[in-house]
């Protein structure tokens, strides 16, 4: 069975007139990391998740739900309507896990 999800690189997407490259992702009242991609549901043709690389030496890429996004063009940031509990729940959900299912 073919995977219904597709990863789209940030430089392939234009958000409010800006390329998605080097955008910051925020949520739960803080910066969560750098945007590394979008996961698209090909069947429904919509963005399901953002791939976010956490900051720090051992930062890893995780998936966060694309929940009520708000773009701050001046700050080059995407603000997600998620709380700390949701960030915790998704902390180990990686693109590899989703695409392998």
PDB file of N, CA and C in Angstrom:
ATOM      1  N   UNK A   1       0.840  -1.188   0.000  1.00  0.00           N
ATOM      2  CA  UNK A   1       0.000   0.000   0.000  1.00  0.00           C
ATOM      3  C   UNK A   1       0.883   1.249   0.000  1.00  0.00           C
ATOM      4  N   UNK A   2       0.554   2.196  -0.832  1.00  0.00           N
ATOM      5  CA  UNK A   2       1.332   3.421  -0.952  1.00  0.00           C
ATOM      6  C   UNK A   2       1.043   4.348   0.221  1.00  0.00           C
ATOM      7  N   UNK A   3       2.091   4.991   0.706  1.00  0.00           N
ATOM      8  CA  UNK A   3       1.961   5.937   1.806  1.00  0.00           C
ATOM      9  C   UNK A   3       1.116   7.126   1.352  1.00  0.00           C
ATOM     10  N   UNK A   4       0.210   7.570   2.198  1.00  0.00           N
ATOM     11  CA  UNK A   4      -0.652   8.687   1.839  1.00  0.00           C
ATOM     12  C   UNK A   4      -0.035  10.040   2.194  1.00  0.00           C
ATOM     13  N   UNK A   5       1.116  10.005   2.873  1.00  0.00           N
ATOM     14  CA  UNK A   5       1.772  11.246   3.279  1.00  0.00           C
ATOM     15  C   UNK A   5       2.959  11.569   2.381  1.00  0.00           C
ATOM     16  N   UNK A   6       3.219  12.849   2.243  1.00  0.00           N
ATOM     17  CA  UNK A   6       4.333  13.326   1.432  1.00  0.00           C
ATOM     18  C   UNK A   6       5.030  14.447   2.198  1.00  0.00           C
ATOM     19  N   UNK A   7       6.355  14.446   2.184  1.00  0.00           N
ATOM     20  CA  UNK A   7       7.136  15.514   2.804  1.00  0.00           C
ATOM     21  C   UNK A   7       7.440  16.566   1.748  1.00  0.00           C
ATOM     22  N   UNK A   8       7.200  17.811   2.103  1.00  0.00           N
ATOM     23  CA  UNK A   8       7.497  18.943   1.221  1.00  0.00           C
ATOM     24  C   UNK A   8       8.524  19.811   1.937  1.00  0.00           C
ATOM     25  N   UNK A   9       9.601  20.116   1.250  1.00  0.00           N
ATOM     26  CA  UNK A   9      10.678  20.921   1.819  1.00  0.00           C
ATOM     27  C   UNK A   9      10.232  22.380   1.970  1.00  0.00           C
ATOM     28  N   UNK A  10      10.754  23.084   2.976  1.00  0.00           N
ATOM     29  CA  UNK A  10      10.341  24.477   3.203  1.00  0.00           C
ATOM     30  C   UNK A  10      10.601  25.409   2.023  1.00  0.00           C
ATOM     31  N   UNK A  11      11.667  25.162   1.273  1.00  0.00           N
ATOM     32  CA  UNK A  11      11.969  26.061   0.151  1.00  0.00           C
ATOM     33  C   UNK A  11      11.019  25.867  -1.027  1.00  0.00           C
ATOM     34  N   UNK A  12      10.167  24.845  -0.968  1.00  0.00           N
ATOM     35  CA  UNK A  12       9.169  24.603  -2.015  1.00  0.00           C
ATOM     36  C   UNK A  12       7.843  25.293  -1.720  1.00  0.00           C
ATOM     37  N   UNK A  13       7.757  25.950  -0.544  1.00  0.00           N
ATOM     38  CA  UNK A  13       6.495  26.540  -0.099  1.00  0.00           C
ATOM     39  C   UNK A  13       6.670  28.043   0.095  1.00  0.00           C
ATOM     40  N   UNK A  14       5.684  28.802  -0.358  1.00  0.00           N
ATOM     41  CA  UNK A  14       5.671  30.247  -0.147  1.00  0.00           C
ATOM     42  C   UNK A  14       4.542  30.543   0.848  1.00  0.00           C
ATOM     43  N   UNK A  15       4.911  31.217   1.949  1.00  0.00           N
ATOM     44  CA  UNK A  15       3.959  31.553   3.007  1.00  0.00           C
ATOM     45  C   UNK A  15       3.914  33.066   3.123  1.00  0.00           C
ATOM     46  N   UNK A  16       2.767  33.646   2.883  1.00  0.00           N
ATOM     47  CA  UNK A  16       2.598  35.103   2.964  1.00  0.00           C
ATOM     48  C   UNK A  16       3.686  35.829   2.166  1.00  0.00           C
ATOM     49  N   UNK A  17       4.030  35.295   1.007  1.00  0.00           N
ATOM     50  CA  UNK A  17       5.014  35.910   0.138  1.00  0.00           C
ATOM     51  C   UNK A  17       6.461  35.563   0.458  1.00  0.00           C
ATOM     52  N   UNK A  18       6.702  34.758   1.495  1.00  0.00           N
ATOM     53  CA  UNK A  18       8.056  34.368   1.892  1.00  0.00           C
ATOM     54  C   UNK A  18       8.274  32.883   1.686  1.00  0.00           C
ATOM     55  N   UNK A  19       9.483  32.514   1.296  1.00  0.00           N
ATOM     56  CA  UNK A  19       9.834  31.089   1.239  1.00  0.00           C
ATOM     57  C   UNK A  19       9.824  30.538   2.661  1.00  0.00           C
ATOM     58  N   UNK A  20       9.490  29.280   2.810  1.00  0.00           N
ATOM     59  CA  UNK A  20       9.426  28.647   4.121  1.00  0.00           C
ATOM     60  C   UNK A  20      10.773  28.393   4.763  1.00  0.00           C
ATOM     61  N   UNK A  21      11.838  28.602   4.029  1.00  0.00           N
ATOM     62  CA  UNK A  21      13.182  28.366   4.533  1.00  0.00           C
ATOM     63  C   UNK A  21      13.498  29.292   5.707  1.00  0.00           C
ATOM     64  N   UNK A  22      14.158  28.738   6.726  1.00  0.00           N
ATOM     65  CA  UNK A  22      14.614  29.498   7.898  1.00  0.00           C
ATOM     66  C   UNK A  22      13.495  30.115   8.723  1.00  0.00           C
ATOM     67  N   UNK A  23      12.328  29.517   8.703  1.00  0.00           N
ATOM     68  CA  UNK A  23      11.255  30.004   9.557  1.00  0.00           C
ATOM     69  C   UNK A  23      11.338  29.311  10.911  1.00  0.00           C
ATOM     70  N   UNK A  24      10.926  30.028  11.935  1.00  0.00           N
ATOM     71  CA  UNK A  24      10.880  29.507  13.294  1.00  0.00           C
ATOM     72  C   UNK A  24       9.460  29.023  13.560  1.00  0.00           C
ATOM     73  N   UNK A  25       9.340  27.968  14.374  1.00  0.00           N
ATOM     74  CA  UNK A  25       8.029  27.464  14.771  1.00  0.00           C
ATOM     75  C   UNK A  25       7.875  27.711  16.266  1.00  0.00           C
ATOM     76  N   UNK A  26       6.754  28.326  16.635  1.00  0.00           N
ATOM     77  CA  UNK A  26       6.475  28.643  18.031  1.00  0.00           C
ATOM     78  C   UNK A  26       5.160  27.989  18.440  1.00  0.00           C
ATOM     79  N   UNK A  27       5.022  27.752  19.720  1.00  0.00           N
ATOM     80  CA  UNK A  27       3.803  27.202  20.282  1.00  0.00           C
ATOM     81  C   UNK A  27       3.985  27.049  21.778  1.00  0.00           C
ATOM     82  N   UNK A  28       2.903  26.931  22.498  1.00  0.00           N
ATOM     83  CA  UNK A  28       2.946  26.783  23.952  1.00  0.00           C
ATOM     84  C   UNK A  28       3.707  27.942  24.596  1.00  0.00           C
ATOM     85  N   UNK A  29       3.646  29.114  23.959  1.00  0.00           N
ATOM     86  CA  UNK A  29       4.265  30.300  24.517  1.00  0.00           C
ATOM     87  C   UNK A  29       5.776  30.373  24.393  1.00  0.00           C
ATOM     88  N   UNK A  30       6.354  29.555  23.508  1.00  0.00           N
ATOM     89  CA  UNK A  30       7.821  29.565  23.372  1.00  0.00           C
ATOM     90  C   UNK A  30       8.229  29.143  21.963  1.00  0.00           C
ATOM     91  N   UNK A  31       9.513  29.320  21.656  1.00  0.00           N
ATOM     92  CA  UNK A  31      10.062  28.855  20.391  1.00  0.00           C
ATOM     93  C   UNK A  31      10.313  27.360  20.492  1.00  0.00           C
ATOM     94  N   UNK A  32       9.808  26.613  19.511  1.00  0.00           N
ATOM     95  CA  UNK A  32       9.941  25.156  19.520  1.00  0.00           C
ATOM     96  C   UNK A  32      11.085  24.676  18.632  1.00  0.00           C
ATOM     97  N   UNK A  33      11.462  25.467  17.638  1.00  0.00           N
ATOM     98  CA  UNK A  33      12.556  25.076  16.764  1.00  0.00           C
ATOM     99  C   UNK A  33      12.418  25.685  15.388  1.00  0.00           C
ATOM    100  N   UNK A  34      13.203  25.158  14.452  1.00  0.00           N
ATOM    101  CA  UNK A  34      13.222  25.633  13.068  1.00  0.00           C
ATOM    102  C   UNK A  34      12.380  24.734  12.177  1.00  0.00           C
ATOM    103  N   UNK A  35      11.690  25.339  11.237  1.00  0.00           N
ATOM    104  CA  UNK A  35      10.883  24.598  10.276  1.00  0.00           C
ATOM    105  C   UNK A  35      11.796  23.810   9.349  1.00  0.00           C
ATOM    106  N   UNK A  36      11.558  22.504   9.236  1.00  0.00           N
ATOM    107  CA  UNK A  36      12.351  21.644   8.354  1.00  0.00           C
ATOM    108  C   UNK A  36      11.505  21.003   7.269  1.00  0.00           C
ATOM    109  N   UNK A  37      10.186  21.199   7.326  1.00  0.00           N
ATOM    110  CA  UNK A  37       9.349  20.653   6.275  1.00  0.00           C
ATOM    111  C   UNK A  37       7.887  20.580   6.673  1.00  0.00           C
ATOM    112  N   UNK A  38       7.096  20.172   5.706  1.00  0.00           N
ATOM    113  CA  UNK A  38       5.654  20.008   5.877  1.00  0.00           C
ATOM    114  C   UNK A  38       5.307  18.576   5.523  1.00  0.00           C
ATOM    115  N   UNK A  39       4.367  17.995   6.249  1.00  0.00           N
ATOM    116  CA  UNK A  39       3.846  16.680   5.880  1.00  0.00           C
ATOM    117  C   UNK A  39       2.436  16.895   5.357  1.00  0.00           C
ATOM    118  N   UNK A  40       2.249  16.502   4.112  1.00  0.00           N
ATOM    119  CA  UNK A  40       0.985  16.692   3.407  1.00  0.00           C
ATOM    120  C   UNK A  40       0.242  15.364   3.325  1.00  0.00           C
ATOM    121  N   UNK A  41      -1.044  15.399   3.597  1.00  0.00           N
ATOM    122  CA  UNK A  41      -1.904  14.240   3.353  1.00  0.00           C
ATOM    123  C   UNK A  41      -2.335  14.348   1.896  1.00  0.00           C
ATOM    124  N   UNK A  42      -1.798  13.460   1.063  1.00  0.00           N
ATOM    125  CA  UNK A  42      -2.072  13.539  -0.376  1.00  0.00           C
ATOM    126  C   UNK A  42      -3.534  13.268  -0.700  1.00  0.00           C
ATOM    127  N   UNK A  43      -4.186  12.441   0.097  1.00  0.00           N
ATOM    128  CA  UNK A  43      -5.588  12.118  -0.151  1.00  0.00           C
ATOM    129  C   UNK A  43      -6.478  13.331   0.082  1.00  0.00           C
ATOM    130  N   UNK A  44      -6.276  14.003   1.218  1.00  0.00           N
ATOM    131  CA  UNK A  44      -7.101  15.160   1.570  1.00  0.00           C
ATOM    132  C   UNK A  44      -6.510  16.477   1.071  1.00  0.00           C
ATOM    133  N   UNK A  45      -5.288  16.429   0.535  1.00  0.00           N
ATOM    134  CA  UNK A  45      -4.582  17.593   0.008  1.00  0.00           C
ATOM    135  C   UNK A  45      -4.534  18.736   1.021  1.00  0.00           C
ATOM    136  N   UNK A  46      -3.998  18.393   2.207  1.00  0.00           N
ATOM    137  CA  UNK A  46      -3.856  19.410   3.251  1.00  0.00           C
ATOM    138  C   UNK A  46      -2.605  19.138   4.069  1.00  0.00           C
ATOM    139  N   UNK A  47      -2.103  20.170   4.726  1.00  0.00           N
ATOM    140  CA  UNK A  47      -0.955  20.020   5.617  1.00  0.00           C
ATOM    141  C   UNK A  47      -1.436  19.411   6.919  1.00  0.00           C
ATOM    142  N   UNK A  48      -0.778  18.336   7.348  1.00  0.00           N
ATOM    143  CA  UNK A  48      -1.137  17.676   8.606  1.00  0.00           C
ATOM    144  C   UNK A  48      -0.168  18.020   9.731  1.00  0.00           C
ATOM    145  N   UNK A  49       1.113  18.046   9.391  1.00  0.00           N
ATOM    146  CA  UNK A  49       2.156  18.253  10.396  1.00  0.00           C
ATOM    147  C   UNK A  49       3.243  19.173   9.861  1.00  0.00           C
ATOM    148  N   UNK A  50       3.942  19.801  10.799  1.00  0.00           N
ATOM    149  CA  UNK A  50       5.175  20.505  10.491  1.00  0.00           C
ATOM    150  C   UNK A  50       6.322  19.656  11.009  1.00  0.00           C
ATOM    151  N   UNK A  51       7.406  19.603  10.260  1.00  0.00           N
ATOM    152  CA  UNK A  51       8.625  18.963  10.743  1.00  0.00           C
ATOM    153  C   UNK A  51       9.446  20.074  11.381  1.00  0.00           C
ATOM    154  N   UNK A  52       9.741  19.911  12.663  1.00  0.00           N
ATOM    155  CA  UNK A  52      10.414  20.952  13.432  1.00  0.00           C
ATOM    156  C   UNK A  52      11.690  20.381  14.018  1.00  0.00           C
ATOM    157  N   UNK A  53      12.783  21.073  13.778  1.00  0.00           N
ATOM    158  CA  UNK A  53      14.068  20.683  14.374  1.00  0.00           C
ATOM    159  C   UNK A  53      14.285  21.521  15.613  1.00  0.00           C
ATOM    160  N   UNK A  54      14.359  20.831  16.754  1.00  0.00           N
ATOM    161  CA  UNK A  54      14.577  21.515  18.030  1.00  0.00           C
ATOM    162  C   UNK A  54      15.963  22.131  18.059  1.00  0.00           C
ATOM    163  N   UNK A  55      16.091  23.206  18.793  1.00  0.00           N
ATOM    164  CA  UNK A  55      17.394  23.854  18.906  1.00  0.00           C
ATOM    165  C   UNK A  55      18.278  23.089  19.877  1.00  0.00           C
ATOM    166  N   UNK A  56      19.541  23.398  19.847  1.00  0.00           N
ATOM    167  CA  UNK A  56      20.487  22.744  20.744  1.00  0.00           C
ATOM    168  C   UNK A  56      21.360  21.753  20.014  1.00  0.00           C
ATOM    169  N   UNK A  57      22.415  21.338  20.681  1.00  0.00           N
ATOM    170  CA  UNK A  57      23.397  20.432  20.102  1.00  0.00           C
ATOM    171  C   UNK A  57      22.778  19.097  19.693  1.00  0.00           C
ATOM    172  N   UNK A  58      21.886  18.581  20.510  1.00  0.00           N
ATOM    173  CA  UNK A  58      21.287  17.276  20.242  1.00  0.00           C
ATOM    174  C   UNK A  58      19.840  17.398  19.777  1.00  0.00           C
ATOM    175  N   UNK A  59      19.509  18.532  19.170  1.00  0.00           N
ATOM    176  CA  UNK A  59      18.151  18.747  18.687  1.00  0.00           C
ATOM    177  C   UNK A  59      17.774  17.712  17.645  1.00  0.00           C
ATOM    178  N   UNK A  60      16.551  17.242  17.713  1.00  0.00           N
ATOM    179  CA  UNK A  60      16.079  16.254  16.751  1.00  0.00           C
ATOM    180  C   UNK A  60      14.852  16.805  16.037  1.00  0.00           C
ATOM    181  N   UNK A  61      14.522  16.184  14.933  1.00  0.00           N
ATOM    182  CA  UNK A  61      13.337  16.592  14.182  1.00  0.00           C
ATOM    183  C   UNK A  61      12.138  15.790  14.642  1.00  0.00           C
ATOM    184  N   UNK A  62      11.075  16.506  14.963  1.00  0.00           N
ATOM    185  CA  UNK A  62       9.824  15.869  15.373  1.00  0.00           C
ATOM    186  C   UNK A  62       8.681  16.457  14.551  1.00  0.00           C
ATOM    187  N   UNK A  63       7.549  15.798  14.631  1.00  0.00           N
ATOM    188  CA  UNK A  63       6.345  16.284  13.962  1.00  0.00           C
ATOM    189  C   UNK A  63       5.461  16.981  14.982  1.00  0.00           C
ATOM    190  N   UNK A  64       4.904  18.104  14.578  1.00  0.00           N
ATOM    191  CA  UNK A  64       3.924  18.809  15.398  1.00  0.00           C
ATOM    192  C   UNK A  64       2.677  19.026  14.559  1.00  0.00           C
ATOM    193  N   UNK A  65       1.501  18.932  15.183  1.00  0.00           N
ATOM    194  CA  UNK A  65       0.268  19.104  14.410  1.00  0.00           C
ATOM    195  C   UNK A  65       0.148  20.520  13.868  1.00  0.00           C
ATOM    196  N   UNK A  66      -0.371  20.635  12.673  1.00  0.00           N
ATOM    197  CA  UNK A  66      -0.573  21.922  12.006  1.00  0.00           C
ATOM    198  C   UNK A  66      -1.877  22.504  12.537  1.00  0.00           C
ATOM    199  N   UNK A  67      -1.828  23.018  13.774  1.00  0.00           N
ATOM    200  CA  UNK A  67      -3.019  23.446  14.500  1.00  0.00           C
ATOM    201  C   UNK A  67      -3.178  24.961  14.462  1.00  0.00           C
ATOM    202  N   UNK A  68      -4.194  25.426  13.782  1.00  0.00           N
ATOM    203  CA  UNK A  68      -4.534  26.846  13.714  1.00  0.00           C
ATOM    204  C   UNK A  68      -3.292  27.724  13.556  1.00  0.00           C
ATOM    205  N   UNK A  69      -2.552  27.549  12.481  1.00  0.00           N
ATOM    206  CA  UNK A  69      -1.309  28.300  12.313  1.00  0.00           C
ATOM    207  C   UNK A  69      -1.551  29.791  12.078  1.00  0.00           C
ATOM    208  N   UNK A  70      -0.648  30.574  12.620  1.00  0.00           N
ATOM    209  CA  UNK A  70      -0.647  32.021  12.399  1.00  0.00           C
ATOM    210  C   UNK A  70       0.770  32.396  11.994  1.00  0.00           C
ATOM    211  N   UNK A  71       0.905  33.111  10.902  1.00  0.00           N
ATOM    212  CA  UNK A  71       2.229  33.475  10.399  1.00  0.00           C
ATOM    213  C   UNK A  71       2.556  34.901  10.813  1.00  0.00           C
ATOM    214  N   UNK A  72       3.720  35.068  11.436  1.00  0.00           N
ATOM    215  CA  UNK A  72       4.265  36.383  11.767  1.00  0.00           C
ATOM    216  C   UNK A  72       5.354  36.655  10.733  1.00  0.00           C
ATOM    217  N   UNK A  73       5.002  37.421   9.698  1.00  0.00           N
ATOM    218  CA  UNK A  73       5.902  37.665   8.577  1.00  0.00           C
ATOM    219  C   UNK A  73       7.168  38.379   9.039  1.00  0.00           C
ATOM    220  N   UNK A  74       7.018  39.381   9.867  1.00  0.00           N
ATOM    221  CA  UNK A  74       8.167  40.166  10.328  1.00  0.00           C
ATOM    222  C   UNK A  74       9.172  39.298  11.092  1.00  0.00           C
ATOM    223  N   UNK A  75       8.677  38.393  11.931  1.00  0.00           N
ATOM    224  CA  UNK A  75       9.551  37.519  12.729  1.00  0.00           C
ATOM    225  C   UNK A  75       9.924  36.241  11.983  1.00  0.00           C
ATOM    226  N   UNK A  76       9.363  36.042  10.790  1.00  0.00           N
ATOM    227  CA  UNK A  76       9.568  34.798  10.022  1.00  0.00           C
ATOM    228  C   UNK A  76       9.251  33.580  10.894  1.00  0.00           C
ATOM    229  N   UNK A  77       8.064  33.612  11.498  1.00  0.00           N
ATOM    230  CA  UNK A  77       7.676  32.552  12.432  1.00  0.00           C
ATOM    231  C   UNK A  77       6.268  32.055  12.143  1.00  0.00           C
ATOM    232  N   UNK A  78       6.066  30.775  12.440  1.00  0.00           N
ATOM    233  CA  UNK A  78       4.738  30.165  12.392  1.00  0.00           C
ATOM    234  C   UNK A  78       4.358  29.840  13.825  1.00  0.00           C
ATOM    235  N   UNK A  79       3.266  30.407  14.276  1.00  0.00           N
ATOM    236  CA  UNK A  79       2.774  30.177  15.638  1.00  0.00           C
ATOM    237  C   UNK A  79       1.662  29.132  15.563  1.00  0.00           C
ATOM    238  N   UNK A  80       1.824  28.043  16.307  1.00  0.00           N
ATOM    239  CA  UNK A  80       0.820  26.978  16.344  1.00  0.00           C
ATOM    240  C   UNK A  80      -0.005  27.082  17.619  1.00  0.00           C
ATOM    241  N   UNK A  81      -1.277  26.787  17.507  1.00  0.00           N
ATOM    242  CA  UNK A  81      -2.169  26.816  18.668  1.00  0.00           C
ATOM    243  C   UNK A  81      -2.102  25.468  19.387  1.00  0.00           C
ATOM    244  N   UNK A  82      -0.951  25.205  20.003  1.00  0.00           N
ATOM    245  CA  UNK A  82      -0.780  23.979  20.779  1.00  0.00           C
ATOM    246  C   UNK A  82      -0.268  24.351  22.164  1.00  0.00           C
ATOM    247  N   UNK A  83      -0.562  23.491  23.124  1.00  0.00           N
ATOM    248  CA  UNK A  83      -0.118  23.766  24.489  1.00  0.00           C
ATOM    249  C   UNK A  83       1.054  22.859  24.862  1.00  0.00           C
ATOM    250  N   UNK A  84       1.565  23.045  26.046  1.00  0.00           N
ATOM    251  CA  UNK A  84       2.739  22.295  26.497  1.00  0.00           C
ATOM    252  C   UNK A  84       2.468  20.787  26.531  1.00  0.00           C
ATOM    253  N   UNK A  85       1.254  20.390  26.883  1.00  0.00           N
ATOM    254  CA  UNK A  85       0.902  18.960  26.913  1.00  0.00           C
ATOM    255  C   UNK A  85       1.002  18.352  25.507  1.00  0.00           C
ATOM    256  N   UNK A  86       0.531  19.052  24.507  1.00  0.00           N
ATOM    257  CA  UNK A  86       0.619  18.552  23.135  1.00  0.00           C
ATOM    258  C   UNK A  86       2.067  18.480  22.667  1.00  0.00           C
ATOM    259  N   UNK A  87       2.875  19.484  23.029  1.00  0.00           N
ATOM    260  CA  UNK A  87       4.300  19.447  22.685  1.00  0.00           C
ATOM    261  C   UNK A  87       4.922  18.194  23.304  1.00  0.00           C
ATOM    262  N   UNK A  88       4.595  17.909  24.551  1.00  0.00           N
ATOM    263  CA  UNK A  88       5.119  16.727  25.253  1.00  0.00           C
ATOM    264  C   UNK A  88       4.668  15.440  24.564  1.00  0.00           C
ATOM    265  N   UNK A  89       3.399  15.371  24.183  1.00  0.00           N
ATOM    266  CA  UNK A  89       2.860  14.165  23.540  1.00  0.00           C
ATOM    267  C   UNK A  89       3.534  13.882  22.199  1.00  0.00           C
ATOM    268  N   UNK A  90       3.944  14.901  21.482  1.00  0.00           N
ATOM    269  CA  UNK A  90       4.535  14.732  20.159  1.00  0.00           C
ATOM    270  C   UNK A  90       6.066  14.723  20.179  1.00  0.00           C
ATOM    271  N   UNK A  91       6.677  14.774  21.357  1.00  0.00           N
ATOM    272  CA  UNK A  91       8.132  14.950  21.474  1.00  0.00           C
ATOM    273  C   UNK A  91       8.941  13.851  20.787  1.00  0.00           C
ATOM    274  N   UNK A  92       8.395  12.638  20.668  1.00  0.00           N
ATOM    275  CA  UNK A  92       9.121  11.531  20.044  1.00  0.00           C
ATOM    276  C   UNK A  92       8.503  11.065  18.730  1.00  0.00           C
ATOM    277  N   UNK A  93       7.578  11.843  18.194  1.00  0.00           N
ATOM    278  CA  UNK A  93       6.906  11.482  16.949  1.00  0.00           C
ATOM    279  C   UNK A  93       7.733  12.037  15.788  1.00  0.00           C
ATOM    280  N   UNK A  94       8.413  11.158  15.076  1.00  0.00           N
ATOM    281  CA  UNK A  94       9.332  11.589  14.028  1.00  0.00           C
ATOM    282  C   UNK A  94       8.741  11.374  12.629  1.00  0.00           C
ATOM    283  N   UNK A  95       9.287  12.080  11.651  1.00  0.00           N
ATOM    284  CA  UNK A  95       8.829  11.867  10.274  1.00  0.00           C
ATOM    285  C   UNK A  95       9.019  10.411   9.832  1.00  0.00           C
ATOM    286  N   UNK A  96      10.111   9.791  10.261  1.00  0.00           N
ATOM    287  CA  UNK A  96      10.383   8.408   9.883  1.00  0.00           C
ATOM    288  C   UNK A  96       9.299   7.465  10.385  1.00  0.00           C
ATOM    289  N   UNK A  97       8.814   7.703  11.602  1.00  0.00           N
ATOM    290  CA  UNK A  97       7.753   6.864  12.155  1.00  0.00           C
ATOM    291  C   UNK A  97       6.474   6.981  11.346  1.00  0.00           C
ATOM    292  N   UNK A  98       6.121   8.188  10.989  1.00  0.00           N
ATOM    293  CA  UNK A  98       4.875   8.416  10.236  1.00  0.00           C
ATOM    294  C   UNK A  98       4.967   7.811   8.848  1.00  0.00           C
ATOM    295  N   UNK A  99       6.075   8.041   8.172  1.00  0.00           N
ATOM    296  CA  UNK A  99       6.211   7.582   6.785  1.00  0.00           C
ATOM    297  C   UNK A  99       6.403   6.074   6.682  1.00  0.00           C
ATOM    298  N   UNK A 100       6.829   5.439   7.767  1.00  0.00           N
ATOM    299  CA  UNK A 100       7.009   3.985   7.770  1.00  0.00           C
ATOM    300  C   UNK A 100       5.685   3.254   7.971  1.00  0.00           C
ATOM    301  N   UNK A 101       4.666   3.965   8.482  1.00  0.00           N
ATOM    302  CA  UNK A 101       3.382   3.301   8.773  1.00  0.00           C
ATOM    303  C   UNK A 101       2.554   3.080   7.527  1.00  0.00           C
TER     304      UNK A 101
END
